[in-house]
Amino acid sequence: MRTMMFMSRMFGMIVLMVGVLLAVFVLLDILRIGPNARGFLIGSNLWQELKAIAEALF
């Protein structure tokens, strides 16, 4: 029982850390400014598709 509790807690912490790292990556990618600063996410087609989906929904 204790082992299961420990494992679930460790798994939760790992998921949280990965989520924070992804959020920081996306935030820094969005905050890039300048004419030549095409970010990895912003400069890709994925960002345009996500924006189109969000505009269609809202």
Protein backbone atom coordinates (compact mmCIF):
# COMPACT_ATOMS: atom_id res chain seq x y z
CA MET A 1 0.00 0.00 0.00
CA ARG A 2 2.78 2.41 0.88
CA THR A 3 4.64 1.50 -2.29
CA MET A 4 1.56 2.26 -4.41
CA MET A 5 1.15 5.60 -2.66
CA PHE A 6 4.81 6.46 -3.23
CA MET A 7 4.66 5.41 -6.89
CA SER A 8 1.53 7.45 -7.59
CA ARG A 9 3.04 10.48 -5.85
CA MET A 10 6.24 10.17 -7.91
CA PHE A 11 4.26 9.76 -11.10
CA GLY A 12 2.22 12.86 -10.27
CA MET A 13 5.35 14.90 -9.62
CA ILE A 14 6.88 13.78 -12.92
CA VAL A 15 3.71 14.68 -14.83
CA LEU A 16 3.61 18.07 -13.11
CA MET A 17 7.26 18.80 -13.96
CA VAL A 18 6.77 17.85 -17.61
CA GLY A 19 3.66 20.04 -17.75
CA VAL A 20 5.51 23.02 -16.28
CA LEU A 21 8.40 22.58 -18.71
CA LEU A 22 6.01 22.45 -21.67
CA ALA A 23 4.16 25.54 -20.43
CA VAL A 24 7.43 27.47 -20.07
CA PHE A 25 8.55 26.35 -23.53
CA VAL A 26 5.29 27.51 -25.13
CA LEU A 27 5.32 30.81 -23.19
CA LEU A 28 8.89 31.61 -24.20
CA ASP A 29 8.11 30.65 -27.79
CA ILE A 30 5.13 33.02 -27.86
CA LEU A 31 7.09 35.87 -26.24
CA ARG A 32 9.79 35.88 -28.93
CA ILE A 33 9.68 39.14 -30.83
CA GLY A 34 11.51 40.55 -33.81
CA PRO A 35 11.32 40.16 -37.57
CA ASN A 36 13.54 37.06 -37.72
CA ALA A 37 12.40 35.43 -34.47
CA ARG A 38 10.20 32.70 -35.89
CA GLY A 39 9.69 30.37 -32.96
CA PHE A 40 9.46 26.61 -33.18
CA LEU A 41 5.75 26.59 -32.40
CA ILE A 42 4.75 29.95 -33.87
CA GLY A 43 6.70 29.38 -37.07
CA SER A 44 5.11 26.01 -37.70
CA ASN A 45 1.85 25.21 -39.40
CA LEU A 46 0.55 23.67 -36.17
CA TRP A 47 0.10 27.09 -34.57
CA GLN A 48 -1.98 28.36 -37.51
CA GLU A 49 -4.17 25.26 -37.37
CA LEU A 50 -4.71 25.62 -33.62
CA LYS A 51 -5.63 29.28 -34.06
CA ALA A 52 -8.13 28.39 -36.78
CA ILE A 53 -9.71 25.72 -34.56
CA ALA A 54 -9.93 28.15 -31.64
CA GLU A 55 -11.51 30.85 -33.82
CA ALA A 56 -14.04 28.34 -35.19
CA LEU A 57 -15.02 27.22 -31.68
CA PHE A 58 -15.26 30.66 -30.11
